Protein backbone atom coordinates (compact mmCIF):
# COMPACT_ATOMS: atom_id res chain seq x y z
CA MET A 1 0.00 0.00 0.00
CA PRO A 2 1.42 3.40 -0.84
CA ASP A 3 1.94 5.77 2.05
CA PRO A 4 -0.57 8.69 1.84
CA SER A 5 2.28 11.09 2.58
CA THR A 6 3.91 10.26 -0.74
CA PRO A 7 2.46 10.14 -4.26
CA ALA A 8 0.96 6.73 -4.73
CA HIS A 9 1.71 4.49 -7.70
CA GLY A 10 -0.26 1.60 -9.03
CA PRO A 11 -0.80 -1.06 -9.86
CA GLN A 12 2.43 -2.45 -8.45
CA ALA A 13 3.21 -5.33 -6.14
CA ASN A 14 4.86 -4.85 -2.79
CA GLN A 15 5.68 -8.51 -2.36
CA PRO A 16 9.06 -10.22 -2.44
CA ALA A 17 8.02 -12.93 -4.86
CA PRO A 18 8.96 -12.18 -8.48
CA GLU A 19 6.22 -11.84 -11.04
CA PRO A 20 5.69 -15.02 -13.09
CA ASN A 21 6.88 -14.94 -16.67
CA THR A 22 7.45 -11.20 -16.84
CA GLU A 23 8.58 -9.54 -20.07
CA PRO A 24 11.61 -7.22 -20.06
CA ALA A 25 10.56 -4.11 -18.20
CA GLN A 26 11.94 -1.27 -20.28
CA GLN A 27 12.58 -2.93 -23.62
CA THR A 28 10.64 -1.59 -26.57
CA PRO A 29 10.39 -3.24 -29.96
CA PRO A 30 13.33 -2.19 -32.15
CA ALA A 31 12.64 0.36 -34.82
CA ALA A 32 14.65 1.18 -37.89
CA SER A 33 16.58 4.40 -37.60
CA PRO A 34 14.75 7.15 -39.49
CA ALA A 35 17.90 9.17 -40.04
CA PRO A 36 17.69 10.79 -43.47
CA GLY A 37 20.20 9.66 -46.08
CA PRO A 38 22.03 11.86 -48.57
CA GLY A 39 19.16 11.74 -51.01
CA ASP A 40 16.36 12.09 -48.48
CA THR A 41 14.23 15.18 -48.17
CA PRO A 42 14.30 16.46 -44.60
CA ASP A 43 11.04 17.32 -42.85
CA ASP A 44 11.54 21.07 -42.97
CA GLY A 45 8.43 21.78 -40.88
CA ALA A 46 9.65 19.79 -37.88
CA SER A 47 13.19 21.12 -38.18
CA ALA A 48 11.98 24.70 -38.37
CA SER A 49 9.86 24.26 -35.25
CA LEU A 50 12.75 23.06 -33.08
CA PRO A 51 13.20 25.10 -29.88
CA PRO A 52 16.38 27.20 -29.60
CA GLN A 53 18.00 24.67 -27.25
CA LEU A 54 17.82 21.99 -29.97
CA ALA A 55 18.28 24.04 -33.12
CA GLY A 56 21.47 23.16 -34.95
CA ARG A 57 22.11 20.04 -32.86
CA ASP A 58 22.41 16.49 -34.11
CA PRO A 59 20.50 13.97 -31.96
CA ALA A 60 23.31 11.46 -32.45
CA THR A 61 25.93 13.73 -30.88
CA THR A 62 23.84 15.72 -28.38
CA PRO A 63 25.11 15.10 -24.82
CA ASP A 64 22.94 13.40 -22.24
CA ASP A 65 21.23 16.15 -20.27
CA GLU A 66 18.02 16.12 -18.23
CA LEU A 67 17.01 19.63 -19.28
CA LEU A 68 17.52 18.82 -22.96
CA ILE A 69 15.46 15.65 -22.56
CA ASP A 70 12.62 17.65 -21.01
CA THR A 71 12.89 20.16 -23.85
CA VAL A 72 12.65 17.36 -26.42
CA LEU A 73 9.60 15.83 -24.74
CA GLN A 74 7.83 19.18 -24.54
CA TRP A 75 8.56 19.86 -28.22
CA ILE A 76 7.29 16.42 -29.29
CA ALA A 77 4.04 17.08 -27.43
CA ASP A 78 3.60 20.54 -29.00
CA THR A 79 4.78 20.22 -32.61
CA PRO A 80 2.21 19.32 -35.29
CA HIS A 81 4.90 18.17 -37.73
CA ALA A 82 5.72 14.48 -38.25
CA GLY A 83 8.82 13.06 -39.87
CA PRO A 84 12.33 11.76 -39.30
CA THR A 85 13.41 14.71 -37.16
CA VAL A 86 10.74 14.04 -34.55
CA ALA A 87 11.54 10.32 -34.53
CA ARG A 88 15.29 10.89 -34.14
CA TRP A 89 14.83 13.27 -31.22
CA ALA A 90 12.41 10.81 -29.59
CA GLN A 91 15.07 8.12 -29.87
CA TYR A 92 17.63 10.52 -28.38
CA ALA A 93 15.37 11.13 -25.36
CA THR A 94 14.92 7.38 -24.82
CA ALA A 95 18.62 6.54 -25.14
CA ALA A 96 19.86 9.51 -23.10
CA SER A 97 17.39 8.93 -20.25
CA ALA A 98 18.35 5.23 -20.19
CA ARG A 99 21.99 6.19 -19.70
CA LEU A 100 21.15 8.76 -17.01
CA HIS A 101 18.47 6.96 -14.99
CA PRO A 102 17.65 3.44 -13.75
CA ASN A 103 14.56 1.48 -14.72
CA GLY A 104 11.36 3.04 -13.42
CA HIS A 105 12.69 6.61 -13.22
CA GLN A 106 9.99 9.11 -14.11
CA GLN A 107 11.87 10.89 -16.89
CA ARG A 108 12.90 7.57 -18.43
CA GLN A 109 9.28 6.38 -18.39
CA ARG A 110 8.14 9.57 -20.11
CA ALA A 111 10.83 9.28 -22.78
CA ILE A 112 9.93 5.66 -23.53
CA LEU A 113 6.26 6.61 -23.80
CA ALA A 114 7.06 9.48 -26.17
CA ASP A 115 9.23 7.31 -28.43
CA ALA A 116 6.56 4.59 -28.60
CA ALA A 117 3.82 7.14 -29.34
CA VAL A 118 5.87 8.62 -32.20
CA ARG A 119 6.58 5.20 -33.71
CA ILE A 120 2.93 4.10 -33.75
CA GLY A 121 1.67 7.48 -34.99
CA ILE A 122 -0.16 8.81 -31.91
CA LEU A 123 2.21 11.78 -31.82
CA PRO A 124 2.76 14.42 -33.10
CA LEU A 125 -0.74 15.79 -32.61
CA ASP A 126 -2.47 16.63 -35.87
CA GLY A 127 -5.94 18.13 -36.09
CA ILE A 128 -8.38 17.23 -33.33
CA PRO A 129 -6.49 14.87 -31.03
CA SER A 130 -8.05 11.72 -29.64
CA ARG A 131 -8.40 11.16 -25.89
CA ALA A 132 -5.40 8.83 -26.00
CA ALA A 133 -3.24 11.32 -27.93
CA SER A 134 -4.09 14.11 -25.51
CA GLY A 135 -3.27 11.81 -22.62
CA VAL A 136 0.12 10.89 -24.06
CA ALA A 137 0.97 14.56 -24.68
CA VAL A 138 0.17 15.44 -21.06
CA CYS A 139 2.05 12.44 -19.65
CA ILE A 140 5.35 13.12 -21.44
CA THR A 141 5.51 16.83 -20.54
CA ALA A 142 5.67 18.67 -17.25
CA GLY A 143 2.00 17.80 -16.71
CA GLY A 144 3.10 14.21 -16.24
CA ARG A 145 5.09 15.30 -13.17
CA ALA A 146 2.23 17.18 -11.51
CA HIS A 147 0.79 16.16 -8.18
CA ALA A 148 -1.41 13.14 -8.91
CA ASP A 149 -5.14 13.65 -9.35
CA ALA A 150 -7.90 11.71 -11.08
CA GLU A 151 -7.44 13.49 -14.42
CA CYS A 152 -3.68 12.84 -14.40
CA MET A 153 -4.31 9.16 -13.64
CA LEU A 154 -6.84 8.85 -16.49
CA ASP A 155 -4.38 10.50 -18.90
CA HIS A 156 -1.81 7.81 -18.09
CA LEU A 157 -4.38 5.02 -18.37
CA TYR A 158 -5.53 6.17 -21.80
CA ALA A 159 -1.92 6.57 -22.92
CA TYR A 160 -0.84 3.03 -22.04
CA LEU A 161 -4.13 1.58 -23.25
CA ALA A 162 -3.34 3.17 -26.63
CA LEU A 163 0.06 1.44 -26.70
CA HIS A 164 -1.62 -1.86 -25.83
CA THR A 165 -4.19 -1.35 -28.60
CA HIS A 166 -1.36 -0.93 -31.12
CA GLY A 167 0.39 -4.12 -30.03
CA LEU A 168 3.07 -2.77 -27.66
CA CYS A 169 1.86 -5.16 -24.95
CA PRO A 170 4.99 -5.56 -22.75
CA LEU A 171 5.56 -1.80 -22.66
CA ALA A 172 1.90 -1.14 -21.78
CA HIS A 173 1.84 -3.76 -19.01
CA GLN A 174 5.02 -2.38 -17.46
CA GLY A 175 3.99 1.28 -17.79
CA LEU A 176 0.77 0.73 -15.85
CA ARG A 177 2.78 -0.06 -12.73
CA GLN A 178 4.24 3.46 -12.67
CA ILE A 179 0.96 5.36 -13.00
CA PRO A 180 0.48 8.08 -10.34
CA VAL A 181 -2.64 7.52 -8.25
CA PRO A 182 -4.35 10.25 -6.17
CA ALA A 183 -4.11 10.05 -2.39
CA GLU A 184 -7.01 8.07 -0.92
CA HIS A 185 -7.99 6.83 2.53
CA ASP A 186 -6.69 3.33 3.25
CA ASP A 187 -9.68 2.36 5.40
CA TRP A 188 -12.13 2.62 2.48
CA PRO A 189 -12.25 1.12 -1.02
CA ARG A 190 -9.87 3.13 -3.16
CA PRO A 191 -11.68 3.85 -6.46
CA ALA A 192 -8.68 5.44 -8.20
CA LEU A 193 -6.31 2.57 -7.39
CA LEU A 194 -8.98 -0.02 -8.24
CA THR A 195 -9.50 1.68 -11.61
CA THR A 196 -5.85 1.09 -12.49
CA VAL A 197 -6.14 -2.53 -11.33
CA ILE A 198 -9.21 -3.03 -13.52
CA VAL A 199 -7.44 -1.63 -16.60
CA ALA A 200 -4.32 -3.69 -15.89
CA ALA A 201 -6.35 -6.89 -15.39
CA ALA A 202 -8.40 -6.23 -18.55
CA MET A 203 -5.25 -5.68 -20.62
CA ALA A 204 -3.78 -8.89 -19.21
CA GLY A 205 -7.00 -10.75 -20.06
CA ALA A 206 -6.97 -9.36 -23.61
CA CYS A 207 -3.45 -10.82 -23.97
CA ALA A 208 -4.62 -14.13 -22.42
CA ARG A 209 -2.22 -13.48 -19.53
CA GLU A 210 -4.24 -15.11 -16.76
CA ASP A 211 -1.05 -15.53 -14.75
CA LEU A 212 -0.37 -11.78 -14.84
CA ALA A 213 -3.98 -10.94 -13.93
CA ASP A 214 -3.87 -13.39 -11.03
CA TYR A 215 -0.62 -11.82 -9.82
CA LEU A 216 -2.14 -8.32 -9.94
CA LEU A 217 -5.24 -9.38 -7.99
CA ASP A 218 -3.13 -11.14 -5.39
CA ALA A 219 -0.85 -8.11 -4.98
CA HIS A 220 -3.87 -5.85 -4.36
CA ALA A 221 -5.95 -8.27 -2.31
CA ALA A 222 -5.92 -5.86 0.64
CA GLN A 223 -7.72 -3.21 -1.44
CA LEU A 224 -10.36 -5.59 -2.86
CA GLU A 225 -13.61 -6.20 -1.04
CA PRO A 226 -14.31 -9.80 0.03
CA PRO A 227 -15.82 -12.29 -2.46
CA GLY A 228 -19.60 -12.20 -2.54
CA SER A 229 -19.85 -8.54 -1.51
CA PRO A 230 -21.54 -5.96 -3.78
CA GLY A 231 -18.26 -4.06 -4.10
CA ARG A 232 -16.38 -7.13 -5.35
CA ALA A 233 -19.18 -7.92 -7.79
CA LEU A 234 -19.01 -4.36 -9.15
CA PHE A 235 -15.21 -4.59 -9.51
CA ALA A 236 -15.44 -7.92 -11.35
CA THR A 237 -18.25 -6.74 -13.64
CA LEU A 238 -16.37 -3.60 -14.68
CA ALA A 239 -13.15 -5.57 -15.27
CA LEU A 240 -14.88 -8.31 -17.26
CA ASP A 241 -16.80 -5.82 -19.41
CA LEU A 242 -13.59 -3.96 -20.25
CA THR A 243 -11.82 -7.25 -21.02
CA ASP A 244 -14.62 -8.26 -23.42
CA GLN A 245 -14.34 -4.87 -25.08
CA LEU A 246 -10.58 -5.17 -25.60
CA ARG A 247 -10.13 -8.89 -26.32
CA GLU A 248 -11.43 -9.41 -29.86
CA PRO A 249 -9.94 -6.24 -31.40
CA HIS A 250 -6.61 -6.94 -29.70
CA ARG A 251 -6.30 -10.52 -30.91
CA GLY A 252 -4.92 -9.51 -34.30
CA VAL A 253 -2.21 -7.19 -32.96
CA CYS A 254 -1.20 -8.93 -29.71
CA THR A 255 2.54 -9.50 -29.38
CA GLN A 256 2.19 -12.35 -26.88
CA PRO A 257 2.68 -15.31 -29.26
CA GLY A 258 2.01 -18.91 -28.33
CA ARG A 259 -0.59 -18.21 -25.66
CA ARG A 260 -3.84 -20.15 -25.56
CA ALA A 261 -7.18 -18.40 -25.79
CA LEU A 262 -8.53 -16.81 -22.63
CA ASP A 263 -10.77 -19.07 -20.54
CA ARG A 264 -13.49 -16.53 -19.83
CA HIS A 265 -15.12 -18.61 -17.10
CA ARG A 266 -11.89 -19.04 -15.14
CA PHE A 267 -11.02 -15.38 -15.67
CA SER A 268 -14.44 -14.29 -14.35
CA ALA A 269 -14.05 -16.56 -11.31
CA MET A 270 -10.64 -15.05 -10.65
CA LEU A 271 -12.05 -11.52 -10.73
CA HIS A 272 -14.90 -12.48 -8.37
CA GLY A 273 -12.48 -14.27 -6.02
CA GLU A 274 -14.40 -17.56 -6.27
CA PRO A 275 -13.35 -21.13 -7.18
CA PRO A 276 -14.18 -21.90 -10.84
CA ALA A 277 -16.21 -24.97 -9.86
CA ARG A 278 -18.68 -22.90 -7.80
CA HIS A 279 -18.68 -19.78 -9.96
CA ARG A 280 -21.44 -18.80 -12.36
CA SER A 281 -19.85 -16.49 -14.88
CA PRO A 282 -22.00 -13.94 -16.67
CA ALA A 283 -22.79 -14.61 -20.31
CA PRO A 284 -20.53 -12.94 -22.88
CA PRO A 285 -21.90 -9.85 -24.62
CA ASP A 286 -24.16 -10.37 -27.63
CA ALA A 287 -22.28 -7.83 -29.76
CA PRO A 288 -20.67 -9.50 -32.79
CA ALA A 289 -16.91 -9.50 -33.22
CA PRO A 290 -15.56 -6.53 -35.21
CA ALA A 291 -14.95 -7.01 -38.89
CA ALA A 292 -11.40 -7.75 -40.04
CA ASN A 293 -11.02 -4.37 -41.72
CA VAL A 294 -12.12 -2.26 -38.73
CA SER A 295 -9.38 0.26 -37.96
CA ILE A 296 -7.61 0.33 -34.63
CA SER A 297 -8.48 3.99 -34.08
CA VAL A 298 -12.21 3.24 -34.35
CA MET A 299 -11.97 0.44 -31.79
CA ARG A 300 -9.89 2.55 -29.46
CA SER A 301 -12.38 5.44 -29.46
CA GLU A 302 -15.08 3.18 -27.98
CA VAL A 303 -13.20 2.62 -24.73
CA HIS A 304 -14.31 4.94 -21.93
CA LEU A 305 -12.51 4.63 -18.62
CA ASP A 306 -14.21 7.58 -16.94
CA GLY A 307 -17.29 5.47 -16.29
CA VAL A 308 -15.20 2.86 -14.48
CA LEU A 309 -13.82 5.45 -12.07
CA TYR A 310 -17.18 7.14 -11.52
CA GLY A 311 -18.90 3.79 -10.85
CA LEU A 312 -16.35 2.85 -8.20
CA ARG A 313 -16.58 6.32 -6.64
CA ALA A 314 -20.36 6.10 -6.43
CA HIS A 315 -20.07 2.74 -4.66
CA THR A 316 -17.53 4.14 -2.17
CA GLN A 317 -19.75 7.12 -1.43
CA ALA A 318 -22.70 4.77 -0.83
CA LEU A 319 -20.57 2.85 1.69
CA HIS A 320 -19.69 6.14 3.41
CA THR A 321 -23.36 7.04 3.74
CA ARG A 322 -24.45 3.58 4.88
CA ARG A 323 -21.77 3.29 7.55
CA ARG A 324 -22.46 6.74 8.88
CA LEU A 325 -26.19 6.05 9.22
CA HIS A 326 -25.43 3.01 11.37
CA ALA A 327 -22.50 4.51 13.30
CA THR A 328 -22.47 5.80 16.86
CA PRO A 329 -20.85 9.21 17.46
CA ILE A 330 -18.02 9.32 19.99
CA SER A 331 -16.00 12.14 21.54
CA SER A 332 -12.28 12.27 20.83
CA SER A 333 -9.29 14.50 21.45
CA VAL A 334 -7.80 16.27 18.43
CA PHE A 335 -4.04 16.77 18.03
CA LEU A 336 -1.87 18.91 15.74
CA ILE A 337 1.31 16.87 15.18
CA CYS A 338 4.74 17.53 13.72
CA ASP A 339 5.73 14.06 12.56
CA THR A 340 9.27 15.21 11.77
CA CYS A 341 10.02 16.28 15.35
CA ARG A 342 7.45 14.07 17.12
CA LEU A 343 5.71 16.99 18.82
CA ALA A 344 1.94 16.88 19.42
CA LEU A 345 -0.33 19.72 20.55
CA ARG A 346 -3.77 18.86 21.94
CA LEU A 347 -6.17 21.29 20.25
CA GLY A 348 -9.31 20.20 22.10
CA SER A 349 -12.14 17.72 21.55
CA SER A 350 -14.60 16.96 18.77
CA VAL A 351 -17.12 14.29 17.78
CA VAL A 352 -16.38 11.63 15.18
CA TYR A 353 -17.85 8.35 13.98
CA ALA A 354 -15.89 5.14 14.46
CA ALA A 355 -16.08 4.38 10.74
CA GLN A 356 -14.73 7.86 9.90
CA PRO A 357 -12.19 8.69 12.62
CA SER A 358 -10.71 11.56 10.59
CA THR A 359 -13.97 13.42 9.89
CA LEU A 360 -14.86 15.95 12.57
CA THR A 361 -18.62 16.46 12.77
CA VAL A 362 -18.48 19.48 15.13
CA PRO A 363 -15.89 22.25 15.61
CA ILE A 364 -12.95 21.66 17.95
CA ILE A 365 -13.84 22.72 21.51
CA ALA A 366 -11.27 23.61 24.18
CA ALA A 367 -12.38 24.36 27.75
CA GLY A 368 -15.91 25.11 26.59
CA LEU A 369 -14.80 27.55 23.87
CA PRO A 370 -14.18 27.13 20.15
CA ALA A 371 -10.48 26.31 19.96
CA TRP A 372 -9.71 29.36 17.78
CA GLN A 373 -11.14 31.59 20.53
CA HIS A 374 -9.09 29.95 23.28
CA ARG A 375 -6.11 32.26 23.75
CA ASP A 376 -3.52 29.68 24.83
CA ILE A 377 -4.58 27.07 22.25
CA SER A 378 -4.51 29.59 19.38
CA ARG A 379 -1.11 30.95 20.46
CA ALA A 380 0.33 27.45 20.79
CA THR A 381 -1.00 26.57 17.33
CA TRP A 382 0.64 29.61 15.73
CA ARG A 383 3.92 28.87 17.54
CA LEU A 384 4.00 25.25 16.34
CA LEU A 385 3.22 26.27 12.76
CA SER A 386 5.84 29.03 12.71
CA GLU A 387 8.62 26.92 14.27
CA HIS A 388 8.18 23.83 12.10
CA PRO A 389 8.35 24.99 8.45
CA ASN A 390 8.90 22.30 5.81
CA HIS A 391 8.11 19.55 8.33
CA ASP A 392 5.49 16.84 7.89
CA LEU A 393 2.37 17.94 9.79
CA CYS A 394 -1.03 16.36 10.34
CA VAL A 395 -4.14 16.64 12.48
CA LEU A 396 -5.33 13.38 14.07
CA THR A 397 -8.05 12.31 16.45
CA GLY A 398 -7.39 10.10 19.45
CA VAL A 399 -9.45 7.27 17.91
CA SER A 400 -7.58 7.33 14.60
CA PRO A 401 -5.49 4.20 13.97
CA VAL A 402 -2.59 6.46 12.97
CA TRP A 403 -2.53 8.03 16.45
CA ARG A 404 -1.44 4.71 17.92
CA LYS A 405 1.99 5.26 16.40
CA TYR A 406 2.49 8.42 18.41
CA ALA A 407 0.95 6.97 21.59
CA ALA A 408 3.30 3.95 21.47
CA THR A 409 6.55 5.73 20.52
CA PRO A 410 8.35 8.74 22.06
CA THR A 411 6.27 11.85 21.29
CA ASP A 412 6.28 15.07 23.32
CA LEU A 413 2.69 16.02 24.16
CA ILE A 414 1.68 19.66 24.77
CA ALA A 415 -1.55 19.96 26.75
CA SER A 416 -3.14 21.36 29.86
CA PRO A 417 -2.20 19.27 32.92
CA ASP A 418 -5.83 19.08 34.08
CA ILE A 419 -7.03 17.26 30.94
CA GLY A 420 -6.14 13.65 30.21
CA PRO A 421 -2.80 12.03 31.02
CA PRO A 422 0.07 14.21 32.31
CA PRO A 423 1.64 15.99 29.33
CA ASP A 424 5.34 16.22 28.61
CA ILE A 425 5.01 20.00 28.14
CA ALA A 426 2.43 22.12 29.94
CA LEU A 427 0.42 24.36 27.60
CA ALA A 428 1.13 27.42 29.76
CA ASP A 429 4.88 26.76 29.62
CA TYR A 430 4.78 26.39 25.84
CA VAL A 431 3.19 29.80 25.23
CA THR A 432 4.96 31.74 28.01
CA GLY A 433 7.16 34.47 26.53
CA TRP A 434 6.10 33.77 22.94
CA PRO A 435 6.37 35.66 20.71
CA GLY A 436 9.50 37.32 21.93
CA PRO A 437 13.22 36.76 22.44
CA PRO A 438 14.28 33.10 22.55
CA THR A 439 14.30 31.55 26.01
CA PRO A 440 16.74 28.94 27.37
CA ILE A 441 13.92 26.36 27.21
CA VAL A 442 13.46 24.91 23.73
CA PHE A 443 10.50 22.70 22.89
CA ALA A 444 11.91 20.86 19.90
CA GLY A 445 10.08 17.54 20.20
CA ALA A 446 11.18 13.97 20.88
CA THR A 447 13.19 13.80 17.63
CA PRO A 448 14.27 17.38 16.88
CA ALA A 449 15.01 18.23 13.26
CA PRO A 450 18.13 20.26 12.41
CA ARG A 451 17.43 23.99 12.57
CA GLN A 452 17.21 25.67 9.17
CA LYS A 453 19.06 28.79 8.15
CA PRO A 454 16.86 31.84 8.90
CA ILE A 455 15.25 33.58 5.96
CA SER A 456 14.78 37.32 5.81
CA GLY A 457 11.19 38.28 5.06
CA GLY A 458 10.01 34.82 4.06
CA GLU A 459 6.34 34.00 3.50
CA LEU A 460 4.72 31.03 5.22
CA ASN A 461 1.92 28.98 3.69
CA LEU A 462 -0.05 26.16 5.27
CA VAL A 463 -0.61 23.64 2.47
CA CYS A 464 -2.77 20.52 2.30
CA LEU A 465 -0.91 18.31 -0.17
CA SER A 466 -3.78 15.82 -0.25
CA CYS A 467 -6.41 18.35 -1.40
CA ARG A 468 -4.13 20.94 -3.05
CA LEU A 469 -5.19 23.92 -0.97
CA ALA A 470 -2.81 26.68 0.20
CA LEU A 471 -3.51 29.07 3.07
CA SER A 472 -1.15 32.05 3.38
CA LEU A 473 -0.22 32.58 7.03
CA GLY A 474 1.82 35.77 6.69
CA ARG A 475 5.50 36.60 6.89
CA SER A 476 8.23 35.48 9.28
CA THR A 477 11.89 36.34 9.79
CA GLY A 478 12.63 32.73 10.70
CA GLN A 479 14.47 33.85 13.84
CA PRO A 480 13.83 31.92 17.09
CA GLY A 481 10.87 33.36 18.95
CA ALA A 482 9.70 35.45 16.00
CA ALA A 483 5.98 35.59 15.32
CA VAL A 484 4.24 35.36 11.96
CA THR A 485 3.04 38.84 11.01
CA ILE A 486 0.33 40.25 8.78
CA SER A 487 0.81 43.92 7.84
CA GLY A 488 3.40 44.17 10.60
CA ARG A 489 1.02 42.89 13.30
CA PRO A 490 1.27 39.44 14.93
CA ALA A 491 -0.97 37.03 13.07
CA VAL A 492 -2.00 35.43 16.36
CA ASP A 493 -3.85 38.65 17.17
CA GLU A 494 -5.74 38.59 13.85
CA ALA A 495 -9.08 36.87 14.51
CA ALA A 496 -9.79 36.19 10.84
CA ALA A 497 -6.38 34.57 10.27
CA THR A 498 -6.67 32.39 13.39
CA THR A 499 -10.18 31.26 12.43
CA ALA A 500 -8.97 30.47 8.89
CA VAL A 501 -6.17 28.30 10.29
CA PHE A 502 -8.58 26.32 12.46
CA ARG A 503 -11.06 25.88 9.63
CA MET A 504 -8.32 24.36 7.52
CA LEU A 505 -7.09 22.12 10.36
CA THR A 506 -10.66 20.99 11.05
CA GLU A 507 -11.59 20.19 7.45
CA HIS A 508 -8.27 18.53 6.61
CA THR A 509 -7.95 16.18 9.57
CA GLY A 510 -5.94 13.10 8.59
CA HIS A 511 -4.47 14.78 5.50
CA ASN A 512 -0.84 15.52 4.65
CA LEU A 513 -0.09 19.09 5.75
CA VAL A 514 3.06 21.20 5.56
CA VAL A 515 4.07 24.79 6.29
CA PHE A 516 6.44 25.75 3.51
CA ASN A 517 8.62 28.83 3.23
CA ASP A 518 11.08 30.13 0.69
CA ASN A 519 13.70 27.70 1.99
CA GLY A 520 11.55 24.64 1.38
CA HIS A 521 11.33 22.11 -1.40
CA TRP A 522 7.55 22.08 -1.69
CA ASP A 523 7.19 24.74 -4.38
CA HIS A 524 6.89 22.18 -7.17
CA TYR A 525 3.67 20.88 -5.59
CA VAL A 526 2.10 24.32 -5.77
CA GLU A 527 3.52 25.24 -9.17
CA SER A 528 2.37 22.00 -10.82
CA GLY A 529 -1.19 21.01 -11.55
CA GLU A 530 -4.37 22.98 -11.00
CA TRP A 531 -4.61 24.50 -7.51
CA GLY A 532 -7.66 26.67 -8.10
CA PHE A 533 -6.82 29.50 -5.69
CA THR A 534 -4.79 30.53 -2.65
CA ILE A 535 -6.31 31.91 0.56
CA GLU A 536 -4.55 35.23 1.19
CA PRO A 537 -4.68 37.57 4.20
CA GLY A 538 -6.12 40.31 2.01
CA ASP A 539 -4.03 43.09 3.55
CA ASP A 540 -2.34 45.92 1.69
CA ILE A 541 1.02 44.11 1.64
CA CYS A 542 -0.32 40.83 0.28
CA PRO A 543 -3.64 41.46 -1.52
CA PRO A 544 -5.29 38.49 -3.23
CA HIS A 545 -4.49 37.85 -6.87
CA ILE A 546 -7.24 37.43 -9.42
CA GLY A 547 -9.11 34.25 -8.55
CA ASP A 548 -7.75 34.04 -4.98
CA ILE A 549 -9.83 34.60 -1.85
CA THR A 550 -9.18 36.31 1.48
CA HIS A 551 -9.20 34.97 5.02
CA ARG A 552 -12.55 36.65 5.64
CA GLN A 553 -14.12 35.09 2.56
CA TYR A 554 -12.77 31.68 3.60
CA ILE A 555 -14.34 31.81 7.09
CA GLU A 556 -17.63 33.41 6.03
CA GLY A 557 -20.46 31.42 7.61
CA TRP A 558 -18.11 28.88 9.20
CA PRO A 559 -18.59 26.68 11.18
CA GLY A 560 -22.37 27.00 11.16
CA ALA A 561 -23.13 27.14 7.44
CA PRO A 562 -20.04 27.67 5.28
CA THR A 563 -21.06 29.28 2.01
CA ARG A 564 -18.28 27.95 -0.24
CA ARG A 565 -18.18 24.18 -0.45
CA HIS A 566 -15.38 24.25 -3.05
CA TYR A 567 -13.04 25.86 -0.52
CA ARG A 568 -11.99 22.29 0.35
CA GLY A 569 -9.30 22.50 -2.36
CA ALA A 570 -8.74 21.90 -6.06
CA ASP A 571 -8.86 18.10 -5.60
CA PRO A 572 -10.56 17.34 -2.24
CA LEU A 573 -9.59 14.08 -0.60
CA ASP A 574 -12.91 14.11 1.27
CA PRO A 575 -16.20 15.11 -0.42
CA PRO A 576 -17.51 18.49 0.78
CA PRO A 577 -20.55 18.24 3.08
CA ARG A 578 -23.93 18.65 1.50
CA SER A 579 -26.17 21.43 2.79
CA GLY A 580 -29.50 20.64 4.34
CA PRO A 581 -32.73 22.56 3.69
CA SER A 582 -31.92 25.05 6.43
CA GLY A 583 -28.48 25.77 5.05
CA SER A 584 -26.62 23.88 7.74
CA PRO A 585 -24.33 21.03 6.79
CA ALA A 586 -26.21 17.79 6.34
């Protein structure tokens, strides 16, 4: 299972046993060199469209360079001209990335995909591109390195399905294992990951690779619902329908020679997780096999993977609703944690359901007050955020399974002594003298991280990497004891900013959070993909850009009846709450 704190990849096996009868991972079918001879006519259109970094260079003598490879891939995705020049540069990108990177490296995967797409005619784009061509173009450029979301995953699926449709079976099977998958909760069915498993199993079935399909299902058994359940039946039905759609058209182009025909009954039993002797497989579709002269492009255009993902998402949402209707609410403590330093601050208490331990159903309450109105809690929160930039942060409830890690291993707890077990650090001690000059007492956590070099005038942003939402906190000097400021005033004294922080912590419980500054390495997450907007203070020094919102807009109506459901982020990990007839959250 991929760790939610890192971009997930699937389908791939995390087992020590080697895959049975696996083809070479990165080998692509050899192609004749398209280098023009003395009497050939060069493709002047492609040569004229070369970017300045490549103009005048010979692909055969160009040095191996990551920036040049990225330039080549971007140009292949953008140019409308086909010909030997495009093919030669695609071969350069593949060969150079193979010499620079090991198997599985992202740039090497993108170069191999670009070269294969050029050889089978998917690229360059000409006219109105197909869904597969658009997907390939996105995957081989900078868009293929963006933070994973559902659209990025579908682009990769369509791209490798196109290679499989054209007979590049080993390359397609291997490429599916490197597809980025959006972050999803591990305690629920994962529709995005299961979509990649369905496509991989269907492609294996179309190639009559029952051994490969069985290996994939076994590797992802933890994510599959038990045999006989409605969720497993839905998974098997979607996979079998896609296999039937791919199998007949693929039979004439499959590069898996010597394999017997697919036993549809055994394959259906495998997908349902049942023994073949007791399984009743659904009847094959009544649609006749395609005629021998039907073009590959026509067959490819009939495949729609969006419906697979949406069907699995609808089932997962139905499970959410059903479990919540039958669940009993329980009270739980809520903690803001720096995982890097193992420092935990008790924010207060809230109410959750056992089936959804990371979904707070009421605002965080501390000593009878909303936590953002509790002076010591709000000050401690701002201090922890300002002193732990570029660290891994999260908000967890005391009933969350993840909290057990911190309860069982050394973790410094900040809390009031009169609530719960004795803390390692008293809340009053933690906020005494802050902000102000550094004191001899340092609360660095059980595993302190090395102190970073101070930054003059750096901006701090609280970012949810899971949902792609950025909240601007203000500016900080980075010096010990320095407070975050907004328009020269301490942010802790700004009610709107404090409320905005607690709304984000409340709605992104269990997600991957980070406070990044100008010294961090998180900028590529914000600069890649579609983030929608940033929540800015709205002061004269940092006014919101076009499309951004202010702290006051973000907290409008919260927590009673928030008026902007899409403020959850550009790609919410959790669905926004629906509003009831009275306007309050349902």
